[in-house]
Structure formats: C-alpha cells, structure tokens
Amino acid sequence: MSRVEEIEAKYKLSDKFVVGFVGSVFPWHGIDLLIEASRKLADAVDNLQVLIVGDGSIVPDLKVLRDELGLSQSVHFTGRVPHREVFNFIEAMDVTVSPQSHWYGSPVKIFEYGAMEKPIVAPKNGPVSEVMEDGTDGLLIDSDVDELYESLRTLAEQESLREKIARNFHRKVMENHTWEQNARKVLSNIAYEADEYS
C-alpha cells in the first residue's frame, strides 16, 4: 500500500470528493469559512470529505464548529505533519483551497498545490491575482462563505474545469515560480545591477 493509499484509508477518503487545505491554521486563513461552506456543500455533494492538514491555536475552536455543524464524520484535522509528508496529503485531494489570506500575502501553499497539479480556490487579493487568473488558473473568491461554496460546488460538478485550471496553473508554476526560477531572477537582477554600476 502506498503512503497516499494509507492516508486515504485512515481518513476514509477512497472514492470520495476530497477538498483540502494545507498550512498553519491561524484566524486569517479562513478555515472557519471552509467548514461553514462544507456544511452547505455536503447537501450538494454526497461523497464530500474535507482534509485540513496542519495545526494552530484555533484548531480546538474549529473542531467545536465542525461538531456543531454535524460534520465530525466528513471534516478531518490531521494535526501537524512532517514537511516531507505534505505532498502525499495534497495528492489525496481533488480540490485544494486557500480560503483567505492577508491582503499583502502570497500564500506559498498555492504554489505547492500548483506544483502538484491540483485545482485551486484562492482569495481574490492583490498578490494572488498577480499570479493567478480567475477561471483560467483557479477560481478566485472574496473571502465569503457563499462564494467559497459556489466555487467548490462548481468544481465538484465540472471535472473538465478542474482539469483545465489545474493544468494551466501547473504549467505557470513550473515555468515561472519554482525556487530555481526565483533564484535565476534574483541572479539576473544582481548581474543587471552590477553592469549598471560598473
């Protein structure tokens, strides 16, 4: 059994539609929005499972919210996992989300999702909009329960859209946003500055 299959077995994800989040769990990440949207989504998607990979001080409160909404069998918190394991968890997901982030933040998780060729729902803020085009590379939302629900429902119903946005952003990430590409840009800028002042 592969590691991904072990994860699927542990959290009962096999043959399910899995929505996932990876990262530290802080108030500004909007996991409460994901849980609330999942309550609505569960009525539209029979086989929904939600996997929240990571930990943070608000997790106990989020578990209370999950239980109050009757989602204890479909919303799973893994706690902190070693970084080398993160990609196995992402592989188990059908759709990945970053429900919310700071207006100035460009979440690393969207590039990890993209590198794994997963469809993404992400916040419609400046840094994310600079690298993702809504409807082409992912679905971008205001951090709102209803918008998150509608985007997730759309992706649950439209496999071709999932495949398109995953493929497009994967290509963009691999061509422009790997650590190697970032290093090349930095070195190119340093060489340019050196030439300007020599």
N, C-alpha and C. Protein backbone atom coordinates (compact mmCIF):
# COMPACT_ATOMS: atom_id res chain seq x y z
N MET A 1 0.85 -1.19 0.00
CA MET A 1 0.00 0.00 0.00
C MET A 1 0.89 1.25 0.00
N SER A 2 0.59 2.19 -0.89
CA SER A 2 1.38 3.42 -0.96
C SER A 2 1.03 4.32 0.22
N ARG A 3 1.86 5.34 0.44
CA ARG A 3 1.59 6.28 1.53
C ARG A 3 0.29 7.03 1.28
N VAL A 4 0.01 7.39 0.04
CA VAL A 4 -1.25 8.08 -0.27
C VAL A 4 -2.43 7.17 0.04
N GLU A 5 -2.32 5.92 -0.31
CA GLU A 5 -3.40 4.97 -0.01
C GLU A 5 -3.59 4.81 1.49
N GLU A 6 -2.51 4.85 2.25
CA GLU A 6 -2.62 4.77 3.71
C GLU A 6 -3.38 5.98 4.26
N ILE A 7 -3.08 7.16 3.72
CA ILE A 7 -3.78 8.37 4.15
C ILE A 7 -5.26 8.26 3.79
N GLU A 8 -5.55 7.81 2.58
CA GLU A 8 -6.95 7.66 2.16
C GLU A 8 -7.69 6.67 3.04
N ALA A 9 -7.02 5.60 3.43
CA ALA A 9 -7.67 4.61 4.30
C ALA A 9 -7.90 5.17 5.70
N LYS A 10 -6.91 5.87 6.24
CA LYS A 10 -7.02 6.40 7.60
C LYS A 10 -8.17 7.39 7.73
N TYR A 11 -8.33 8.26 6.72
CA TYR A 11 -9.36 9.31 6.81
C TYR A 11 -10.59 8.99 5.97
N LYS A 12 -10.69 7.76 5.48
CA LYS A 12 -11.85 7.30 4.72
C LYS A 12 -12.12 8.19 3.50
N LEU A 13 -11.07 8.40 2.71
CA LEU A 13 -11.15 9.28 1.56
C LEU A 13 -11.34 8.55 0.24
N SER A 14 -11.18 7.25 0.24
CA SER A 14 -11.28 6.49 -1.00
C SER A 14 -12.65 6.68 -1.64
N ASP A 15 -12.65 6.94 -2.96
CA ASP A 15 -13.88 7.13 -3.72
C ASP A 15 -14.72 8.30 -3.21
N LYS A 16 -14.06 9.29 -2.60
CA LYS A 16 -14.74 10.49 -2.12
C LYS A 16 -14.27 11.70 -2.91
N PHE A 17 -15.03 12.78 -2.82
CA PHE A 17 -14.61 14.07 -3.36
C PHE A 17 -13.95 14.81 -2.22
N VAL A 18 -12.63 14.99 -2.32
CA VAL A 18 -11.84 15.49 -1.19
C VAL A 18 -11.41 16.93 -1.44
N VAL A 19 -11.85 17.80 -0.54
CA VAL A 19 -11.43 19.20 -0.54
C VAL A 19 -10.39 19.36 0.55
N GLY A 20 -9.26 19.99 0.23
CA GLY A 20 -8.19 20.04 1.22
C GLY A 20 -7.52 21.38 1.38
N PHE A 21 -6.99 21.58 2.58
CA PHE A 21 -6.19 22.75 2.94
C PHE A 21 -4.92 22.26 3.59
N VAL A 22 -3.79 22.91 3.28
CA VAL A 22 -2.52 22.59 3.92
C VAL A 22 -1.90 23.87 4.45
N GLY A 23 -1.46 23.86 5.69
CA GLY A 23 -0.75 25.02 6.22
C GLY A 23 -1.01 25.21 7.70
N SER A 24 -0.36 26.21 8.27
CA SER A 24 -0.65 26.59 9.64
C SER A 24 -2.09 27.08 9.72
N VAL A 25 -2.73 26.80 10.83
CA VAL A 25 -4.15 27.15 10.97
C VAL A 25 -4.27 28.35 11.90
N PHE A 26 -4.35 29.54 11.31
CA PHE A 26 -4.49 30.78 12.04
C PHE A 26 -5.80 31.46 11.64
N PRO A 27 -6.29 32.41 12.42
CA PRO A 27 -7.59 33.02 12.11
C PRO A 27 -7.67 33.60 10.70
N TRP A 28 -6.57 34.16 10.21
CA TRP A 28 -6.60 34.82 8.90
C TRP A 28 -6.58 33.85 7.72
N HIS A 29 -6.51 32.54 7.99
CA HIS A 29 -6.53 31.58 6.89
C HIS A 29 -7.95 31.17 6.49
N GLY A 30 -8.94 31.52 7.29
CA GLY A 30 -10.33 31.31 6.89
C GLY A 30 -10.81 29.87 6.93
N ILE A 31 -10.26 29.06 7.82
CA ILE A 31 -10.72 27.67 7.90
C ILE A 31 -12.16 27.59 8.41
N ASP A 32 -12.57 28.57 9.21
CA ASP A 32 -13.98 28.61 9.62
C ASP A 32 -14.89 28.77 8.41
N LEU A 33 -14.45 29.56 7.43
CA LEU A 33 -15.24 29.71 6.19
C LEU A 33 -15.34 28.39 5.45
N LEU A 34 -14.22 27.64 5.42
CA LEU A 34 -14.23 26.34 4.75
C LEU A 34 -15.18 25.37 5.43
N ILE A 35 -15.18 25.36 6.75
CA ILE A 35 -16.08 24.45 7.47
C ILE A 35 -17.53 24.84 7.24
N GLU A 36 -17.84 26.12 7.29
CA GLU A 36 -19.22 26.57 7.07
C GLU A 36 -19.66 26.30 5.63
N ALA A 37 -18.76 26.53 4.68
CA ALA A 37 -19.10 26.22 3.29
C ALA A 37 -19.31 24.73 3.10
N SER A 38 -18.56 23.92 3.83
CA SER A 38 -18.68 22.46 3.73
C SER A 38 -20.03 21.98 4.20
N ARG A 39 -20.62 22.69 5.17
CA ARG A 39 -21.95 22.31 5.64
C ARG A 39 -22.95 22.42 4.48
N LYS A 40 -22.85 23.50 3.72
CA LYS A 40 -23.74 23.68 2.56
C LYS A 40 -23.38 22.71 1.45
N LEU A 41 -22.08 22.50 1.26
CA LEU A 41 -21.63 21.64 0.16
C LEU A 41 -22.03 20.19 0.38
N ALA A 42 -22.09 19.78 1.64
CA ALA A 42 -22.46 18.39 1.94
C ALA A 42 -23.84 18.05 1.42
N ASP A 43 -24.72 19.05 1.30
CA ASP A 43 -26.06 18.81 0.76
C ASP A 43 -26.05 18.64 -0.75
N ALA A 44 -24.99 19.16 -1.40
CA ALA A 44 -24.92 19.10 -2.87
C ALA A 44 -23.99 17.99 -3.36
N VAL A 45 -23.04 17.58 -2.53
CA VAL A 45 -22.04 16.58 -2.91
C VAL A 45 -22.13 15.43 -1.92
N ASP A 46 -22.67 14.30 -2.35
CA ASP A 46 -22.94 13.19 -1.44
C ASP A 46 -21.67 12.62 -0.79
N ASN A 47 -20.59 12.58 -1.54
CA ASN A 47 -19.40 11.89 -1.06
C ASN A 47 -18.30 12.85 -0.60
N LEU A 48 -18.68 14.01 -0.07
CA LEU A 48 -17.72 15.04 0.32
C LEU A 48 -16.91 14.64 1.55
N GLN A 49 -15.61 14.88 1.48
CA GLN A 49 -14.73 14.79 2.64
C GLN A 49 -13.80 16.01 2.60
N VAL A 50 -13.48 16.55 3.77
CA VAL A 50 -12.62 17.72 3.88
C VAL A 50 -11.43 17.35 4.74
N LEU A 51 -10.23 17.66 4.24
CA LEU A 51 -8.99 17.31 4.93
C LEU A 51 -8.22 18.59 5.23
N ILE A 52 -8.03 18.87 6.51
CA ILE A 52 -7.31 20.07 6.95
C ILE A 52 -5.99 19.61 7.55
N VAL A 53 -4.91 19.89 6.82
CA VAL A 53 -3.58 19.39 7.17
C VAL A 53 -2.79 20.53 7.80
N GLY A 54 -2.52 20.42 9.09
CA GLY A 54 -1.78 21.47 9.79
C GLY A 54 -2.36 21.67 11.17
N ASP A 55 -1.78 22.61 11.89
CA ASP A 55 -2.19 22.82 13.27
C ASP A 55 -2.09 24.30 13.61
N GLY A 56 -2.72 24.68 14.70
CA GLY A 56 -2.68 26.06 15.17
C GLY A 56 -3.54 26.22 16.40
N SER A 57 -3.42 27.36 17.04
CA SER A 57 -4.08 27.57 18.33
C SER A 57 -5.60 27.55 18.25
N ILE A 58 -6.16 27.83 17.07
CA ILE A 58 -7.62 27.89 16.96
C ILE A 58 -8.25 26.56 16.56
N VAL A 59 -7.44 25.52 16.38
CA VAL A 59 -7.99 24.23 15.96
C VAL A 59 -9.06 23.71 16.92
N PRO A 60 -8.87 23.79 18.25
CA PRO A 60 -9.95 23.32 19.14
C PRO A 60 -11.28 24.02 18.88
N ASP A 61 -11.25 25.33 18.65
CA ASP A 61 -12.49 26.06 18.36
C ASP A 61 -13.09 25.62 17.03
N LEU A 62 -12.22 25.36 16.05
CA LEU A 62 -12.71 24.91 14.75
C LEU A 62 -13.33 23.52 14.84
N LYS A 63 -12.79 22.67 15.69
CA LYS A 63 -13.38 21.34 15.89
C LYS A 63 -14.76 21.46 16.53
N VAL A 64 -14.92 22.41 17.44
CA VAL A 64 -16.23 22.65 18.04
C VAL A 64 -17.22 23.08 16.97
N LEU A 65 -16.80 24.02 16.10
CA LEU A 65 -17.65 24.46 15.00
C LEU A 65 -18.03 23.29 14.10
N ARG A 66 -17.04 22.49 13.75
CA ARG A 66 -17.29 21.31 12.91
C ARG A 66 -18.35 20.41 13.54
N ASP A 67 -18.19 20.14 14.83
CA ASP A 67 -19.12 19.22 15.51
C ASP A 67 -20.51 19.83 15.63
N GLU A 68 -20.57 21.15 15.89
CA GLU A 68 -21.87 21.82 15.98
C GLU A 68 -22.62 21.76 14.66
N LEU A 69 -21.88 21.75 13.55
CA LEU A 69 -22.50 21.70 12.23
C LEU A 69 -22.74 20.26 11.75
N GLY A 70 -22.44 19.30 12.60
CA GLY A 70 -22.70 17.90 12.26
C GLY A 70 -21.76 17.32 11.23
N LEU A 71 -20.50 17.80 11.21
CA LEU A 71 -19.54 17.39 10.19
C LEU A 71 -18.40 16.54 10.74
N SER A 72 -18.59 15.95 11.90
CA SER A 72 -17.48 15.21 12.52
C SER A 72 -17.03 14.01 11.70
N GLN A 73 -17.90 13.49 10.84
CA GLN A 73 -17.53 12.34 10.01
C GLN A 73 -16.95 12.73 8.66
N SER A 74 -16.99 14.03 8.33
CA SER A 74 -16.55 14.43 7.00
C SER A 74 -15.49 15.53 6.98
N VAL A 75 -15.22 16.16 8.11
CA VAL A 75 -14.17 17.18 8.18
C VAL A 75 -13.10 16.66 9.13
N HIS A 76 -11.89 16.45 8.59
CA HIS A 76 -10.81 15.80 9.35
C HIS A 76 -9.64 16.76 9.55
N PHE A 77 -9.16 16.83 10.78
CA PHE A 77 -7.96 17.58 11.12
C PHE A 77 -6.82 16.59 11.34
N THR A 78 -5.75 16.73 10.59
CA THR A 78 -4.64 15.79 10.73
C THR A 78 -3.66 16.21 11.81
N GLY A 79 -3.68 17.48 12.21
CA GLY A 79 -2.61 18.00 13.05
C GLY A 79 -1.37 18.25 12.20
N ARG A 80 -0.29 18.62 12.86
CA ARG A 80 0.95 18.91 12.15
C ARG A 80 1.52 17.63 11.55
N VAL A 81 2.00 17.73 10.32
CA VAL A 81 2.66 16.59 9.67
C VAL A 81 4.05 17.04 9.20
N PRO A 82 5.01 16.11 9.11
CA PRO A 82 6.34 16.48 8.61
C PRO A 82 6.24 17.02 7.19
N HIS A 83 7.09 18.00 6.86
CA HIS A 83 7.00 18.63 5.54
C HIS A 83 7.16 17.61 4.42
N ARG A 84 7.98 16.61 4.62
CA ARG A 84 8.17 15.60 3.56
C ARG A 84 6.88 14.83 3.28
N GLU A 85 5.91 14.89 4.22
CA GLU A 85 4.65 14.17 4.05
C GLU A 85 3.58 15.02 3.37
N VAL A 86 3.79 16.33 3.33
CA VAL A 86 2.76 17.24 2.86
C VAL A 86 2.27 16.86 1.47
N PHE A 87 3.19 16.50 0.59
CA PHE A 87 2.80 16.25 -0.80
C PHE A 87 1.98 14.97 -0.95
N ASN A 88 2.15 14.02 -0.04
CA ASN A 88 1.29 12.83 -0.05
C ASN A 88 -0.14 13.21 0.31
N PHE A 89 -0.29 14.13 1.26
CA PHE A 89 -1.63 14.58 1.63
C PHE A 89 -2.28 15.36 0.49
N ILE A 90 -1.50 16.25 -0.16
CA ILE A 90 -2.05 17.00 -1.28
C ILE A 90 -2.49 16.06 -2.40
N GLU A 91 -1.71 15.01 -2.63
CA GLU A 91 -2.04 14.05 -3.68
C GLU A 91 -3.40 13.40 -3.43
N ALA A 92 -3.80 13.29 -2.15
CA ALA A 92 -5.08 12.67 -1.81
C ALA A 92 -6.27 13.59 -2.03
N MET A 93 -6.02 14.85 -2.40
CA MET A 93 -7.08 15.84 -2.55
C MET A 93 -7.53 15.99 -4.00
N ASP A 94 -8.81 16.24 -4.18
CA ASP A 94 -9.34 16.53 -5.52
C ASP A 94 -9.33 18.02 -5.82
N VAL A 95 -9.59 18.83 -4.82
CA VAL A 95 -9.58 20.28 -4.93
C VAL A 95 -8.85 20.84 -3.72
N THR A 96 -8.03 21.86 -3.94
CA THR A 96 -7.29 22.47 -2.84
C THR A 96 -7.77 23.90 -2.64
N VAL A 97 -7.68 24.36 -1.39
CA VAL A 97 -8.20 25.69 -1.09
C VAL A 97 -7.23 26.49 -0.22
N SER A 98 -7.28 27.78 -0.44
CA SER A 98 -6.68 28.76 0.46
C SER A 98 -7.79 29.79 0.66
N PRO A 99 -8.67 29.58 1.64
CA PRO A 99 -9.89 30.38 1.70
C PRO A 99 -9.67 31.87 1.89
N GLN A 100 -8.57 32.22 2.57
CA GLN A 100 -8.37 33.62 2.93
C GLN A 100 -6.90 33.83 3.24
N SER A 101 -6.39 35.04 3.01
CA SER A 101 -5.04 35.37 3.45
C SER A 101 -4.94 36.88 3.60
N HIS A 102 -3.83 37.34 4.18
CA HIS A 102 -3.61 38.77 4.30
C HIS A 102 -3.61 39.42 2.92
N TRP A 103 -4.04 40.67 2.86
CA TRP A 103 -4.08 41.39 1.58
C TRP A 103 -2.71 41.51 0.94
N TYR A 104 -1.68 41.45 1.77
CA TYR A 104 -0.32 41.61 1.24
C TYR A 104 0.39 40.28 1.03
N GLY A 105 -0.29 39.16 1.35
CA GLY A 105 0.38 37.87 1.34
C GLY A 105 0.18 37.09 0.06
N SER A 106 1.24 36.42 -0.36
CA SER A 106 1.16 35.48 -1.49
C SER A 106 1.40 34.09 -0.91
N PRO A 107 0.34 33.35 -0.62
CA PRO A 107 0.49 32.09 0.11
C PRO A 107 1.35 31.06 -0.63
N VAL A 108 2.38 30.56 0.03
CA VAL A 108 3.23 29.54 -0.58
C VAL A 108 2.41 28.31 -0.95
N LYS A 109 1.36 28.05 -0.17
CA LYS A 109 0.58 26.83 -0.41
C LYS A 109 0.00 26.78 -1.82
N ILE A 110 -0.36 27.94 -2.42
CA ILE A 110 -0.95 27.86 -3.76
C ILE A 110 0.08 27.37 -4.78
N PHE A 111 1.35 27.67 -4.54
CA PHE A 111 2.39 27.19 -5.46
C PHE A 111 2.66 25.69 -5.24
N GLU A 112 2.53 25.24 -3.99
CA GLU A 112 2.65 23.81 -3.72
C GLU A 112 1.48 23.06 -4.36
N TYR A 113 0.27 23.61 -4.21
CA TYR A 113 -0.89 22.99 -4.87
C TYR A 113 -0.67 22.95 -6.39
N GLY A 114 -0.20 24.07 -6.93
CA GLY A 114 0.02 24.15 -8.37
C GLY A 114 1.07 23.18 -8.87
N ALA A 115 2.15 23.04 -8.10
CA ALA A 115 3.20 22.09 -8.48
C ALA A 115 2.67 20.67 -8.51
N MET A 116 1.65 20.39 -7.68
CA MET A 116 1.04 19.06 -7.65
C MET A 116 -0.10 18.92 -8.67
N GLU A 117 -0.32 19.97 -9.46
CA GLU A 117 -1.36 19.98 -10.50
C GLU A 117 -2.75 19.72 -9.92
N LYS A 118 -3.05 20.47 -8.87
CA LYS A 118 -4.37 20.39 -8.25
C LYS A 118 -5.17 21.66 -8.55
N PRO A 119 -6.47 21.54 -8.78
CA PRO A 119 -7.30 22.73 -8.95
C PRO A 119 -7.39 23.50 -7.63
N ILE A 120 -7.44 24.83 -7.74
CA ILE A 120 -7.31 25.68 -6.56
C ILE A 120 -8.45 26.69 -6.49
N VAL A 121 -8.95 26.89 -5.26
CA VAL A 121 -9.79 28.05 -4.94
C VAL A 121 -8.97 28.92 -4.00
N ALA A 122 -8.80 30.19 -4.36
CA ALA A 122 -7.91 31.07 -3.62
C ALA A 122 -8.53 32.45 -3.46
N PRO A 123 -7.99 33.24 -2.53
CA PRO A 123 -8.56 34.58 -2.30
C PRO A 123 -8.24 35.55 -3.42
N LYS A 124 -9.18 36.42 -3.71
CA LYS A 124 -9.03 37.40 -4.78
C LYS A 124 -8.34 38.65 -4.22
N ASN A 125 -7.10 38.49 -3.75
CA ASN A 125 -6.36 39.66 -3.28
C ASN A 125 -5.26 40.00 -4.28
N GLY A 126 -4.55 41.08 -4.02
CA GLY A 126 -3.56 41.56 -4.97
C GLY A 126 -2.47 40.56 -5.30
N PRO A 127 -1.76 40.03 -4.28
CA PRO A 127 -0.67 39.10 -4.58
C PRO A 127 -1.11 37.84 -5.32
N VAL A 128 -2.28 37.29 -4.97
CA VAL A 128 -2.75 36.09 -5.66
C VAL A 128 -3.17 36.43 -7.08
N SER A 129 -3.87 37.55 -7.25
CA SER A 129 -4.31 37.95 -8.59
C SER A 129 -3.15 38.25 -9.53
N GLU A 130 -1.99 38.57 -8.96
CA GLU A 130 -0.81 38.81 -9.80
C GLU A 130 -0.30 37.53 -10.46
N VAL A 131 -0.59 36.38 -9.85
CA VAL A 131 -0.05 35.12 -10.38
C VAL A 131 -1.13 34.17 -10.90
N MET A 132 -2.40 34.42 -10.54
CA MET A 132 -3.48 33.54 -10.97
C MET A 132 -4.57 34.35 -11.65
N GLU A 133 -5.06 33.85 -12.78
CA GLU A 133 -6.18 34.47 -13.46
C GLU A 133 -7.45 33.68 -13.15
N ASP A 134 -8.46 34.38 -12.66
CA ASP A 134 -9.71 33.74 -12.28
C ASP A 134 -10.32 33.02 -13.47
N GLY A 135 -10.68 31.75 -13.26
CA GLY A 135 -11.33 30.96 -14.30
C GLY A 135 -10.37 30.29 -15.25
N THR A 136 -9.11 30.74 -15.25
CA THR A 136 -8.09 30.14 -16.12
C THR A 136 -7.10 29.31 -15.32
N ASP A 137 -6.60 29.88 -14.23
CA ASP A 137 -5.60 29.20 -13.39
C ASP A 137 -6.19 28.67 -12.09
N GLY A 138 -7.35 29.13 -11.73
CA GLY A 138 -8.01 28.76 -10.48
C GLY A 138 -9.29 29.54 -10.38
N LEU A 139 -10.03 29.35 -9.29
CA LEU A 139 -11.21 30.15 -9.03
C LEU A 139 -10.88 31.08 -7.87
N LEU A 140 -10.98 32.39 -8.11
CA LEU A 140 -10.63 33.39 -7.11
C LEU A 140 -11.90 33.97 -6.50
N ILE A 141 -11.89 34.09 -5.18
CA ILE A 141 -13.10 34.50 -4.45
C ILE A 141 -12.79 35.61 -3.46
N ASP A 142 -13.81 36.41 -3.15
CA ASP A 142 -13.77 37.20 -1.94
C ASP A 142 -13.92 36.20 -0.79
N SER A 143 -13.34 36.52 0.34
CA SER A 143 -13.37 35.56 1.45
C SER A 143 -14.76 35.55 2.09
N ASP A 144 -15.62 34.75 1.49
CA ASP A 144 -17.04 34.73 1.81
C ASP A 144 -17.53 33.29 1.73
N VAL A 145 -18.33 32.88 2.69
CA VAL A 145 -18.82 31.50 2.73
C VAL A 145 -19.56 31.13 1.46
N ASP A 146 -20.45 32.01 1.00
CA ASP A 146 -21.26 31.68 -0.17
C ASP A 146 -20.41 31.57 -1.43
N GLU A 147 -19.43 32.47 -1.59
CA GLU A 147 -18.56 32.39 -2.77
C GLU A 147 -17.70 31.13 -2.73
N LEU A 148 -17.22 30.79 -1.54
CA LEU A 148 -16.43 29.57 -1.41
C LEU A 148 -17.28 28.35 -1.74
N TYR A 149 -18.48 28.32 -1.21
CA TYR A 149 -19.40 27.22 -1.50
C TYR A 149 -19.67 27.09 -3.00
N GLU A 150 -19.99 28.21 -3.64
CA GLU A 150 -20.32 28.17 -5.07
C GLU A 150 -19.12 27.69 -5.89
N SER A 151 -17.93 28.14 -5.54
CA SER A 151 -16.74 27.72 -6.28
C SER A 151 -16.48 26.23 -6.10
N LEU A 152 -16.60 25.76 -4.88
CA LEU A 152 -16.37 24.33 -4.62
C LEU A 152 -17.44 23.48 -5.30
N ARG A 153 -18.67 23.94 -5.27
CA ARG A 153 -19.74 23.18 -5.94
C ARG A 153 -19.49 23.14 -7.44
N THR A 154 -19.07 24.27 -8.02
CA THR A 154 -18.77 24.31 -9.44
C THR A 154 -17.69 23.29 -9.79
N LEU A 155 -16.64 23.25 -9.00
CA LEU A 155 -15.55 22.32 -9.28
C LEU A 155 -15.97 20.87 -9.05
N ALA A 156 -16.82 20.64 -8.07
CA ALA A 156 -17.32 19.28 -7.84
C ALA A 156 -18.11 18.78 -9.04
N GLU A 157 -18.82 19.69 -9.69
CA GLU A 157 -19.70 19.32 -10.79
C GLU A 157 -19.01 19.32 -12.15
N GLN A 158 -17.88 20.02 -12.26
CA GLN A 158 -17.26 20.21 -13.58
C GLN A 158 -15.82 19.68 -13.58
N GLU A 159 -15.70 18.40 -13.87
CA GLU A 159 -14.37 17.78 -13.91
C GLU A 159 -13.47 18.43 -14.96
N SER A 160 -14.06 18.82 -16.09
CA SER A 160 -13.24 19.42 -17.14
C SER A 160 -12.65 20.75 -16.69
N LEU A 161 -13.40 21.52 -15.92
CA LEU A 161 -12.88 22.78 -15.39
C LEU A 161 -11.77 22.51 -14.38
N ARG A 162 -11.96 21.51 -13.53
CA ARG A 162 -10.90 21.15 -12.58
C ARG A 162 -9.61 20.84 -13.32
N GLU A 163 -9.73 20.03 -14.37
CA GLU A 163 -8.54 19.62 -15.12
C GLU A 163 -7.89 20.82 -15.81
N LYS A 164 -8.71 21.72 -16.36
CA LYS A 164 -8.17 22.87 -17.10
C LYS A 164 -7.39 23.80 -16.18
N ILE A 165 -8.00 24.21 -15.07
CA ILE A 165 -7.31 25.18 -14.22
C ILE A 165 -6.10 24.56 -13.54
N ALA A 166 -6.18 23.27 -13.23
CA ALA A 166 -5.03 22.59 -12.62
C ALA A 166 -3.86 22.53 -13.60
N ARG A 167 -4.16 22.18 -14.83
CA ARG A 167 -3.13 22.08 -15.86
C ARG A 167 -2.51 23.45 -16.15
N ASN A 168 -3.34 24.48 -16.26
CA ASN A 168 -2.84 25.81 -16.58
C ASN A 168 -1.93 26.37 -15.50
N PHE A 169 -2.36 26.25 -14.24
CA PHE A 169 -1.54 26.83 -13.18
C PHE A 169 -0.28 26.00 -12.94
N HIS A 170 -0.39 24.68 -13.13
CA HIS A 170 0.80 23.84 -13.01
C HIS A 170 1.87 24.29 -13.99
N ARG A 171 1.46 24.53 -15.22
CA ARG A 171 2.40 24.99 -16.24
C ARG A 171 3.03 26.32 -15.82
N LYS A 172 2.20 27.23 -15.34
CA LYS A 172 2.70 28.55 -14.93
C LYS A 172 3.68 28.43 -13.77
N VAL A 173 3.35 27.60 -12.79
CA VAL A 173 4.24 27.43 -11.64
C VAL A 173 5.58 26.85 -12.07
N MET A 174 5.54 25.81 -12.88
CA MET A 174 6.78 25.15 -13.27
C MET A 174 7.65 26.04 -14.16
N GLU A 175 7.02 26.93 -14.92
CA GLU A 175 7.78 27.81 -15.80
C GLU A 175 8.27 29.08 -15.12
N ASN A 176 7.57 29.52 -14.09
CA ASN A 176 7.87 30.84 -13.54
C ASN A 176 8.05 30.93 -12.03
N HIS A 177 7.59 29.94 -11.27
CA HIS A 177 7.51 30.14 -9.83
C HIS A 177 8.15 29.04 -8.99
N THR A 178 9.07 28.29 -9.54
CA THR A 178 9.82 27.34 -8.72
C THR A 178 10.94 28.09 -8.01
N TRP A 179 11.53 27.48 -7.00
CA TRP A 179 12.67 28.11 -6.31
C TRP A 179 13.82 28.33 -7.29
N GLU A 180 13.99 27.39 -8.21
CA GLU A 180 15.05 27.56 -9.20
C GLU A 180 14.80 28.79 -10.07
N GLN A 181 13.55 28.97 -10.51
CA GLN A 181 13.22 30.13 -11.32
C GLN A 181 13.41 31.42 -10.52
N ASN A 182 13.00 31.40 -9.25
CA ASN A 182 13.19 32.58 -8.41
C ASN A 182 14.66 32.93 -8.25
N ALA A 183 15.49 31.90 -8.05
CA ALA A 183 16.92 32.14 -7.91
C ALA A 183 17.51 32.74 -9.18
N ARG A 184 17.05 32.25 -10.33
CA ARG A 184 17.54 32.79 -11.60
C ARG A 184 17.18 34.27 -11.75
N LYS A 185 15.94 34.62 -11.34
CA LYS A 185 15.53 36.02 -11.42
C LYS A 185 16.39 36.90 -10.52
N VAL A 186 16.66 36.43 -9.32
CA VAL A 186 17.50 37.20 -8.39
C VAL A 186 18.89 37.39 -8.97
N LEU A 187 19.48 36.31 -9.46
CA LEU A 187 20.84 36.40 -10.02
C LEU A 187 20.87 37.29 -11.25
N SER A 188 19.81 37.23 -12.05
CA SER A 188 19.74 38.08 -13.24
C SER A 188 19.68 39.55 -12.83
N ASN A 189 18.90 39.86 -11.81
CA ASN A 189 18.81 41.24 -11.33
C ASN A 189 20.12 41.73 -10.75
N ILE A 190 20.82 40.84 -10.03
CA ILE A 190 22.10 41.21 -9.45
C ILE A 190 23.09 41.50 -10.58
N ALA A 191 23.09 40.66 -11.60
CA ALA A 191 24.02 40.87 -12.74
C ALA A 191 23.70 42.18 -13.44
N TYR A 192 22.38 42.48 -13.58
CA TYR A 192 21.96 43.72 -14.23
C TYR A 192 22.45 44.93 -13.44
N GLU A 193 22.25 44.90 -12.11
CA GLU A 193 22.68 46.00 -11.27
C GLU A 193 24.19 46.17 -11.33
N ALA A 194 24.92 45.05 -11.36
CA ALA A 194 26.40 45.12 -11.42
C ALA A 194 26.84 45.79 -12.73
N ASP A 195 26.16 45.44 -13.84
CA ASP A 195 26.50 46.04 -15.11
C ASP A 195 26.19 47.54 -15.13
N GLU A 196 25.08 47.92 -14.50
CA GLU A 196 24.66 49.31 -14.49
C GLU A 196 25.68 50.20 -13.77
N TYR A 197 26.28 49.65 -12.70
CA TYR A 197 27.15 50.47 -11.87
C TYR A 197 28.65 50.19 -12.09
N SER A 198 28.96 49.35 -13.06
CA SER A 198 30.38 49.07 -13.31
C SER A 198 31.00 50.11 -14.23
